[in-house]
Structures are given as C-alpha cells and as structure tokens.
Amino acid sequence: MHQLCRHQGQAVEVRDIHGRVQRGILVGVDPARGIFMRSGFRTFFIPFFLIAAIFLISIGRRIF
C-alpha cells in the first residue's frame, strides 16, 4: 500500500476484475479497504478486492 500512497494526486487508470476501466485522480488510500478517486466533481471509492490493476496514466506504468 505504501507504493499507492506515493502516487496520490496523480492521474491513474483502474481496471477491475469485471473488465471495467475507471480513470481519475488518486485522492486517498485506506490500507484496509481500498482507494478513493476523483473524476470531475465526483469522488468515489473502489475496494481492493475489485481491483485487478492500477496504471499511472502519465508514464503508462503499472503500480498495483
């Protein structure tokens, strides 16, 4: 989880286990539950058990 905290405030792309893609800014990380992302004016929560991969959009590198 520490590697996710390092990337707070950066644009990320999250792919879940169902194949959906969410893009936004990584706002916060709850080490026990999941991540918070902001997309436009909306902030939403994605639990860790749904996340398949997290990519940094700026450099195209997988971080989780």
Protein backbone atom coordinates (compact mmCIF):
# COMPACT_ATOMS: atom_id res chain seq x y z
CA MET A 1 0.00 0.00 0.00
CA HIS A 2 2.92 2.37 0.52
CA GLN A 3 3.54 2.47 -3.21
CA LEU A 4 -0.03 3.69 -3.74
CA CYS A 5 0.37 6.46 -1.15
CA ARG A 6 3.39 7.68 -3.09
CA HIS A 7 1.21 8.35 -6.15
CA GLN A 8 -1.59 10.35 -4.50
CA GLY A 9 -2.63 13.32 -6.62
CA GLN A 10 -1.60 11.67 -9.89
CA ALA A 11 -3.81 10.54 -12.77
CA VAL A 12 -4.44 6.79 -12.68
CA GLU A 13 -6.42 4.18 -14.56
CA VAL A 14 -8.00 1.37 -12.52
CA ARG A 15 -9.11 -1.90 -14.14
CA ASP A 16 -11.44 -4.03 -12.07
CA ILE A 17 -11.99 -7.78 -12.12
CA HIS A 18 -15.05 -7.33 -14.37
CA GLY A 19 -13.03 -5.54 -17.08
CA ARG A 20 -14.35 -2.02 -16.40
CA VAL A 21 -11.89 0.88 -16.55
CA GLN A 22 -12.09 3.95 -14.30
CA ARG A 23 -9.85 6.98 -14.88
CA GLY A 24 -9.27 9.76 -12.39
CA ILE A 25 -7.03 11.30 -9.77
CA LEU A 26 -5.91 9.14 -6.85
CA VAL A 27 -7.18 11.08 -3.82
CA GLY A 28 -6.58 8.73 -0.91
CA VAL A 29 -5.77 5.21 0.20
CA ASP A 30 -7.37 3.31 3.06
CA PRO A 31 -4.85 0.48 3.66
CA ALA A 32 -7.51 -1.88 4.97
CA ARG A 33 -10.29 -1.23 2.44
CA GLY A 34 -9.40 0.41 -0.89
CA ILE A 35 -8.73 3.65 -2.74
CA PHE A 36 -10.56 6.94 -3.28
CA MET A 37 -10.54 8.52 -6.73
CA ARG A 38 -11.81 11.81 -8.10
CA SER A 39 -13.20 12.12 -11.60
CA GLY A 40 -14.58 15.54 -12.45
CA PHE A 41 -16.62 16.67 -9.45
CA ARG A 42 -17.33 13.15 -8.22
CA THR A 43 -15.24 11.25 -5.63
CA PHE A 44 -15.77 7.51 -5.40
CA PHE A 45 -14.38 4.50 -3.54
CA ILE A 46 -13.03 1.31 -5.12
CA PRO A 47 -12.42 -1.64 -2.76
CA PHE A 48 -9.18 -3.62 -3.16
CA PHE A 49 -10.97 -6.92 -3.83
CA LEU A 50 -12.37 -5.46 -7.10
CA ILE A 51 -9.08 -4.02 -8.39
CA ALA A 52 -7.17 -6.07 -10.97
CA ALA A 53 -4.57 -3.40 -11.89
CA ILE A 54 -3.73 0.27 -11.39
CA PHE A 55 -1.77 2.17 -14.04
CA LEU A 56 -0.19 5.63 -13.92
CA ILE A 57 -1.57 7.44 -16.96
CA SER A 58 1.35 9.87 -17.26
CA ILE A 59 4.00 7.18 -17.84
CA GLY A 60 1.86 4.12 -18.60
CA ARG A 61 3.41 2.07 -15.80
CA ARG A 62 1.55 -0.45 -13.66
CA ILE A 63 1.80 0.38 -9.94
CA PHE A 64 -0.52 -2.23 -8.39
